[in-house]
Amino acid sequence: MTDVRRRLVAWMYSDRFPTWSMPDSTVEELETALGPGWEVEVIREPTFAGGDGSRLIPDAVKRAAADAEIYFGFGIARELFLAAKRLRWVHSAAAGARASLFSEMRDSDVVLTNSAGIYAEPLAEWAMAAVLYFARGFDLAVRGKLDRRWPYDEMAAFGHPQREAAGGTIGIVGYGGIGRAIGCRARALGMSVLAVRSRVGGDVPEGADEVFGPEDLPTVLGRSHYVVLSLPETASTTGLIGAPELALMRQDSVLLNLSRGGIVDEDALVDALRSGGIRGAALDVFREEPLPADSPLWTLDNVLITPHAAAISPRFWERQTALMVRNIGSYLAGGRMENVVDKRRGY
């Protein structure tokens, strides 16, 4: 009799960036967690780890996934999903899930999990670095250095933009695991934290001083010295921050986007930055990535740009492996898994 083994297929490999390649130690932990009767196959074909993964699927990946029960990757493309007829669970190492929520996935009973929580620590540190960058006028110092000019007047004259972070207000739009990590750090700096959540009720969450629903976003925008976007991009959040919302923000405020570029109307943001409608912006995500060379965002001195790299951490696989192992245990036991995506809501 042929030994029929259940299969987990993982496509997490980069030939350019070792940070995104599953290490052998992780493979061993997955095999141990699954136990006898399971086979783990790791595909050594290069994939794209940024955003929600590769859209081009090598034939070798499709062949390997054809009889897989579990698939681990950076999201899953529709083509691969349709080729994998036996899938019961897809886990994405990405924080978002929008690119994996095509109609066939939404209508299926395949469980989809993501990795939003494991990025909370590095993203929160990025947010705090961006807050301090603008609070202490480092954008002015960088401009002076590039011009070989002593920028004391801009940094010390009447009306200068420097302030202390303590005593300021930060509005965090999207208060899940990432938002909480940012809120806790902001409070440690002496800031007031306004949390915007899709659901309001019960106790005030950790790290927040006040909680608001989506309908109260204008209030939060008007009160905040810093506005952080840490929410998923869905049909209801695409274009959430446009010209009307930017007009509600304080002139001395800074917009921080570490979620998805489509949440912000970039043209409206450029107008607000050029006109002095807001103090500045720190952006890790963009409407088009890589950011085109002709984007006006490159030319603005009051914009901090990082290349969708805010989540990079040497502890990525430590956290990712722990999450996958915990969820394997829950999956095999028929229990509640972590980070299950609500396929109708989009996160």
Protein backbone atom coordinates (compact mmCIF):
# COMPACT_ATOMS: atom_id res chain seq x y z
CA MET A 1 0.00 0.00 0.00
CA THR A 2 1.32 3.46 -0.92
CA ASP A 3 2.12 5.71 2.03
CA VAL A 4 -0.08 8.79 1.58
CA ARG A 5 1.45 11.74 3.39
CA ARG A 6 -0.14 15.10 4.08
CA ARG A 7 1.92 17.94 2.66
CA LEU A 8 2.92 21.46 3.65
CA VAL A 9 4.53 23.45 0.84
CA ALA A 10 6.47 26.61 1.64
CA TRP A 11 7.61 29.17 -0.94
CA MET A 12 9.65 31.65 1.07
CA TYR A 13 12.97 32.04 -0.68
CA SER A 14 14.98 34.97 -1.98
CA ASP A 15 18.24 34.75 -3.91
CA ARG A 16 18.96 38.42 -3.11
CA PHE A 17 17.73 39.05 0.43
CA PRO A 18 18.50 36.32 3.00
CA THR A 19 16.14 38.01 5.46
CA TRP A 20 13.19 36.63 3.47
CA SER A 21 14.50 33.06 2.97
CA MET A 22 13.17 30.38 5.31
CA PRO A 23 16.14 28.99 7.28
CA ASP A 24 16.73 25.28 7.77
CA SER A 25 16.03 25.67 11.48
CA THR A 26 12.51 26.83 10.69
CA VAL A 27 11.94 23.86 8.38
CA GLU A 28 13.00 21.53 11.19
CA GLU A 29 10.60 23.19 13.63
CA LEU A 30 7.73 22.89 11.14
CA GLU A 31 8.46 19.20 10.62
CA THR A 32 8.55 18.62 14.36
CA ALA A 33 5.28 20.52 14.90
CA LEU A 34 3.50 18.54 12.16
CA GLY A 35 4.79 15.17 13.28
CA PRO A 36 4.58 11.76 11.56
CA GLY A 37 2.51 11.47 8.41
CA TRP A 38 3.48 14.91 7.10
CA GLU A 39 5.95 16.06 4.49
CA VAL A 40 7.37 19.60 4.32
CA GLU A 41 8.62 20.78 0.92
CA VAL A 42 10.46 24.08 0.65
CA ILE A 43 10.61 25.55 -2.86
CA ARG A 44 13.96 27.14 -3.73
CA GLU A 45 12.63 29.37 -6.50
CA PRO A 46 13.14 33.12 -5.99
CA THR A 47 10.05 35.01 -4.89
CA PHE A 48 9.23 38.61 -4.01
CA ALA A 49 8.74 39.20 -0.30
CA GLY A 50 7.66 42.86 -0.43
CA GLY A 51 4.02 43.82 -0.28
CA ASP A 52 1.94 40.69 -0.86
CA GLY A 53 4.38 38.50 -2.76
CA SER A 54 5.00 37.40 -6.34
CA ARG A 55 2.31 37.42 -9.00
CA LEU A 56 4.40 35.34 -11.44
CA ILE A 57 4.40 31.67 -10.44
CA PRO A 58 7.10 29.26 -11.67
CA ASP A 59 5.86 25.87 -12.87
CA ALA A 60 7.87 24.16 -10.14
CA VAL A 61 5.83 25.97 -7.49
CA LYS A 62 2.53 25.04 -9.12
CA ARG A 63 3.56 21.38 -9.35
CA ALA A 64 4.65 21.28 -5.73
CA ALA A 65 1.47 22.94 -4.46
CA ALA A 66 -0.90 20.81 -6.54
CA ASP A 67 -1.51 18.31 -3.73
CA ALA A 68 -0.58 20.49 -0.74
CA GLU A 69 -2.93 20.74 2.23
CA ILE A 70 -1.09 23.73 3.69
CA TYR A 71 0.72 26.49 1.81
CA PHE A 72 3.07 29.03 3.38
CA GLY A 73 4.21 31.99 1.29
CA PHE A 74 4.20 35.77 0.91
CA GLY A 75 0.53 35.87 0.03
CA ILE A 76 -0.88 33.57 -2.64
CA ALA A 77 -1.64 34.42 -6.26
CA ARG A 78 -4.92 33.39 -7.86
CA GLU A 79 -3.09 31.20 -10.40
CA LEU A 80 -1.39 29.22 -7.65
CA PHE A 81 -4.55 28.94 -5.58
CA LEU A 82 -6.46 27.46 -8.52
CA ALA A 83 -3.67 24.96 -9.16
CA ALA A 84 -3.68 23.74 -5.54
CA LYS A 85 -6.91 21.75 -5.39
CA ARG A 86 -6.40 20.24 -1.93
CA LEU A 87 -5.60 23.38 0.06
CA ARG A 88 -7.19 23.75 3.49
CA TRP A 89 -5.01 26.51 4.94
CA VAL A 90 -2.90 29.33 3.45
CA HIS A 91 -0.56 31.31 5.65
CA SER A 92 0.94 34.56 4.40
CA ALA A 93 4.15 35.95 5.83
CA ALA A 94 2.93 39.39 4.74
CA ALA A 95 1.07 41.73 7.07
CA GLY A 96 -1.71 42.49 4.59
CA ALA A 97 -4.00 40.15 2.73
CA ARG A 98 -5.71 42.19 0.04
CA ALA A 99 -3.85 40.71 -2.93
CA SER A 100 -4.78 37.20 -1.76
CA LEU A 101 -8.49 37.95 -1.48
CA PHE A 102 -9.58 37.23 -5.05
CA SER A 103 -13.12 35.92 -5.48
CA GLU A 104 -12.23 32.21 -5.43
CA MET A 105 -10.39 32.61 -2.13
CA ARG A 106 -13.21 34.63 -0.59
CA ASP A 107 -15.81 32.07 -1.64
CA SER A 108 -13.81 29.05 -0.47
CA ASP A 109 -13.60 27.44 2.95
CA VAL A 110 -9.79 27.64 2.87
CA VAL A 111 -8.49 29.32 6.02
CA LEU A 112 -6.27 32.35 5.37
CA THR A 113 -3.92 33.66 8.06
CA ASN A 114 -1.46 36.54 7.90
CA SER A 115 1.50 37.80 9.90
CA ALA A 116 0.44 41.31 10.91
CA GLY A 117 1.39 40.99 14.55
CA ILE A 118 4.99 39.90 14.05
CA TYR A 119 5.85 43.20 12.38
CA ALA A 120 4.62 45.31 15.29
CA GLU A 121 7.98 45.87 17.02
CA PRO A 122 10.09 47.10 14.05
CA LEU A 123 7.19 49.14 12.64
CA ALA A 124 6.62 50.81 16.00
CA GLU A 125 10.30 51.71 16.20
CA TRP A 126 10.11 53.16 12.67
CA ALA A 127 7.15 55.28 13.72
CA MET A 128 8.94 56.61 16.79
CA ALA A 129 12.05 57.34 14.74
CA ALA A 130 9.93 59.33 12.28
CA VAL A 131 8.24 61.26 15.10
CA LEU A 132 11.61 62.25 16.58
CA TYR A 133 13.06 63.00 13.13
CA PHE A 134 10.51 65.77 12.65
CA ALA A 135 10.15 66.76 16.30
CA ARG A 136 13.86 67.54 16.58
CA GLY A 137 14.15 69.14 13.15
CA PHE A 138 16.40 66.50 11.60
CA ASP A 139 14.84 67.23 8.22
CA LEU A 140 16.23 70.77 8.51
CA ALA A 141 19.62 69.45 9.59
CA VAL A 142 19.76 67.02 6.64
CA ARG A 143 18.88 69.80 4.21
CA GLY A 144 21.63 71.99 5.68
CA LYS A 145 24.18 69.19 5.39
CA LEU A 146 23.31 68.55 1.74
CA ASP A 147 23.69 72.27 1.02
CA ARG A 148 26.86 72.56 3.20
CA ARG A 149 25.02 75.27 5.09
CA TRP A 150 24.71 75.89 8.85
CA PRO A 151 20.90 75.69 9.40
CA TYR A 152 20.77 77.39 12.80
CA ASP A 153 18.28 80.05 11.73
CA GLU A 154 15.67 77.51 10.61
CA MET A 155 16.15 75.41 13.73
CA ALA A 156 16.22 78.18 16.32
CA ALA A 157 14.53 81.31 14.94
CA PHE A 158 11.07 82.48 15.98
CA GLY A 159 8.45 80.08 14.65
CA HIS A 160 10.88 77.18 14.25
CA PRO A 161 9.23 73.75 13.91
CA GLN A 162 11.19 71.95 16.62
CA ARG A 163 9.27 70.63 19.59
CA GLU A 164 9.51 67.99 22.28
CA ALA A 165 7.64 64.77 21.62
CA ALA A 166 6.42 64.83 25.22
CA GLY A 167 3.18 66.75 25.47
CA GLY A 168 2.32 66.14 21.83
CA THR A 169 -0.64 64.16 20.53
CA ILE A 170 -0.42 61.19 18.20
CA GLY A 171 -3.45 59.82 16.36
CA ILE A 172 -3.14 56.17 15.35
CA VAL A 173 -5.59 55.14 12.65
CA GLY A 174 -5.85 51.38 12.88
CA TYR A 175 -5.27 50.18 16.42
CA GLY A 176 -4.46 46.49 16.09
CA GLY A 177 -1.21 44.86 17.15
CA ILE A 178 0.93 47.38 15.28
CA GLY A 179 -1.09 50.34 16.51
CA ARG A 180 -0.84 49.17 20.12
CA ALA A 181 2.93 48.79 19.87
CA ILE A 182 3.16 52.35 18.55
CA GLY A 183 0.79 53.64 21.22
CA CYS A 184 2.77 52.10 24.07
CA ARG A 185 6.01 53.65 22.83
CA ALA A 186 4.38 57.03 22.26
CA ARG A 187 3.01 57.09 25.79
CA ALA A 188 6.48 56.21 27.11
CA LEU A 189 7.68 59.39 25.39
CA GLY A 190 5.00 61.38 27.19
CA MET A 191 2.58 61.71 24.27
CA SER A 192 -1.21 61.53 24.33
CA VAL A 193 -2.50 58.67 22.18
CA LEU A 194 -5.76 58.82 20.22
CA ALA A 195 -6.75 55.44 18.80
CA VAL A 196 -9.09 55.03 15.83
CA ARG A 197 -10.64 51.56 15.57
CA SER A 198 -13.31 50.00 13.39
CA ARG A 199 -15.05 48.74 16.51
CA VAL A 200 -15.37 50.81 19.67
CA GLY A 201 -16.53 49.39 22.96
CA GLY A 202 -15.26 47.93 26.21
CA ASP A 203 -12.07 49.02 27.90
CA VAL A 204 -9.60 51.49 26.42
CA PRO A 205 -6.92 49.32 24.75
CA GLU A 206 -3.33 49.19 25.97
CA GLY A 207 -1.30 52.26 25.06
CA ALA A 208 -4.26 54.51 24.22
CA ASP A 209 -5.70 57.47 26.12
CA GLU A 210 -8.88 57.84 24.07
CA VAL A 211 -10.65 55.63 21.51
CA PHE A 212 -12.63 56.76 18.48
CA GLY A 213 -14.63 55.12 15.72
CA PRO A 214 -14.08 55.72 11.99
CA GLU A 215 -16.75 58.41 11.99
CA ASP A 216 -14.61 60.44 14.42
CA LEU A 217 -11.57 60.51 12.13
CA PRO A 218 -11.97 64.27 11.44
CA THR A 219 -11.72 64.99 15.17
CA VAL A 220 -8.56 62.93 15.51
CA LEU A 221 -6.96 64.54 12.44
CA GLY A 222 -7.63 68.00 13.86
CA ARG A 223 -6.16 67.25 17.27
CA SER A 224 -3.04 65.27 16.35
CA HIS A 225 0.50 66.54 15.91
CA TYR A 226 1.30 63.17 14.30
CA VAL A 227 -1.13 60.95 12.38
CA VAL A 228 -0.05 57.33 11.90
CA LEU A 229 -1.74 55.08 9.35
CA SER A 230 -1.46 51.46 10.51
CA LEU A 231 -4.63 49.97 9.04
CA PRO A 232 -5.12 47.46 6.21
CA GLU A 233 -6.07 48.62 2.73
CA THR A 234 -9.60 47.50 1.90
CA ALA A 235 -12.36 48.79 -0.34
CA SER A 236 -13.39 51.18 2.45
CA THR A 237 -9.90 52.46 3.28
CA THR A 238 -8.45 53.02 -0.21
CA GLY A 239 -8.11 56.80 -0.61
CA LEU A 240 -9.08 57.34 3.03
CA ILE A 241 -6.69 60.29 3.35
CA GLY A 242 -7.34 62.77 0.56
CA ALA A 243 -7.50 66.54 0.17
CA PRO A 244 -10.48 67.03 2.55
CA GLU A 245 -8.81 64.99 5.30
CA LEU A 246 -5.43 66.68 4.85
CA ALA A 247 -7.15 70.05 5.13
CA LEU A 248 -8.42 69.04 8.57
CA MET A 249 -4.91 68.37 9.89
CA ARG A 250 -2.91 70.92 11.83
CA GLN A 251 -0.35 72.95 9.92
CA ASP A 252 2.32 71.69 12.29
CA SER A 253 1.30 68.03 11.91
CA VAL A 254 3.13 65.12 10.29
CA LEU A 255 1.55 62.20 8.42
CA LEU A 256 3.15 58.77 8.86
CA ASN A 257 2.14 55.94 6.52
CA LEU A 258 3.49 52.45 7.22
CA SER A 259 0.52 50.43 5.98
CA ARG A 260 -0.29 50.64 2.24
CA GLY A 261 0.27 53.44 -0.26
CA GLY A 262 -3.25 53.32 -1.69
CA ILE A 263 -4.72 54.61 1.58
CA VAL A 264 -3.34 58.08 0.79
CA ASP A 265 -4.08 60.28 -2.24
CA GLU A 266 -0.47 61.05 -3.12
CA ASP A 267 -1.32 64.00 -5.37
CA ALA A 268 -3.28 65.65 -2.58
CA LEU A 269 -0.47 64.91 -0.15
CA VAL A 270 2.09 66.57 -2.42
CA ASP A 271 -0.14 69.67 -2.63
CA ALA A 272 -0.47 69.81 1.16
CA LEU A 273 3.27 69.42 1.67
CA ARG A 274 4.15 72.06 -0.92
CA SER A 275 1.65 74.60 0.38
CA GLY A 276 2.57 74.18 4.04
CA GLY A 277 -0.81 72.68 4.83
CA ILE A 278 1.01 70.13 6.98
CA ARG A 279 4.51 70.09 8.48
CA GLY A 280 5.76 66.92 6.80
CA ALA A 281 5.29 63.25 5.97
CA ALA A 282 7.16 60.02 6.70
CA LEU A 283 6.34 57.38 4.09
CA ASP A 284 7.37 53.73 3.88
CA VAL A 285 4.69 52.72 1.36
CA PHE A 286 3.55 54.22 -1.91
CA ARG A 287 0.89 53.98 -4.59
CA GLU A 288 3.49 52.54 -6.97
CA GLU A 289 6.58 50.71 -5.74
CA PRO A 290 9.43 51.31 -6.27
CA LEU A 291 8.52 54.99 -6.11
CA PRO A 292 8.99 56.33 -9.69
CA ALA A 293 11.96 58.61 -10.24
CA ASP A 294 9.67 61.39 -11.46
CA SER A 295 7.53 61.41 -8.32
CA PRO A 296 7.49 64.92 -6.78
CA LEU A 297 7.80 63.29 -3.35
CA TRP A 298 11.53 62.86 -4.03
CA THR A 299 11.98 66.61 -4.37
CA LEU A 300 10.26 67.70 -1.15
CA ASP A 301 12.54 68.48 1.79
CA ASN A 302 9.77 67.83 4.32
CA VAL A 303 9.30 64.17 3.32
CA LEU A 304 11.12 61.21 4.85
CA ILE A 305 11.16 58.26 2.43
CA THR A 306 12.05 54.66 3.22
CA PRO A 307 11.69 51.88 0.60
CA HIS A 308 8.96 49.71 2.17
CA ALA A 309 11.62 48.53 4.56
CA ALA A 310 10.22 49.60 7.94
CA ALA A 311 9.36 46.02 8.93
CA ILE A 312 12.82 44.55 8.29
CA SER A 313 14.29 42.97 11.41
CA PRO A 314 16.88 40.28 12.19
CA ARG A 315 14.22 38.78 14.46
CA PHE A 316 11.75 38.18 11.61
CA TRP A 317 12.19 34.41 11.43
CA GLU A 318 12.19 34.03 15.20
CA ARG A 319 8.73 35.60 15.35
CA GLN A 320 7.46 34.11 12.09
CA THR A 321 8.49 30.58 13.08
CA ALA A 322 6.86 30.87 16.49
CA LEU A 323 3.59 32.04 14.89
CA MET A 324 3.59 29.25 12.31
CA VAL A 325 4.34 26.57 14.90
CA ARG A 326 1.59 27.81 17.22
CA ASN A 327 -0.90 27.83 14.37
CA ILE A 328 0.11 24.36 13.22
CA GLY A 329 -0.70 23.13 16.71
CA SER A 330 -4.10 24.80 16.61
CA TYR A 331 -4.79 23.55 13.08
CA LEU A 332 -4.03 19.92 13.93
CA ALA A 333 -6.10 20.14 17.10
CA GLY A 334 -9.02 21.85 15.38
CA GLY A 335 -8.61 24.88 17.63
CA ARG A 336 -8.74 28.62 17.12
CA MET A 337 -5.83 29.89 15.03
CA GLU A 338 -4.12 33.27 15.32
CA ASN A 339 -4.32 36.01 12.69
CA VAL A 340 -7.22 34.45 10.78
CA VAL A 341 -8.26 36.88 8.04
CA ASP A 342 -11.94 37.81 7.83
CA LYS A 343 -12.19 37.33 4.08
CA ARG A 344 -15.27 39.55 3.78
CA ARG A 345 -13.82 42.47 5.74
CA GLY A 346 -10.41 42.12 4.12
CA TYR A 347 -8.24 41.77 7.24
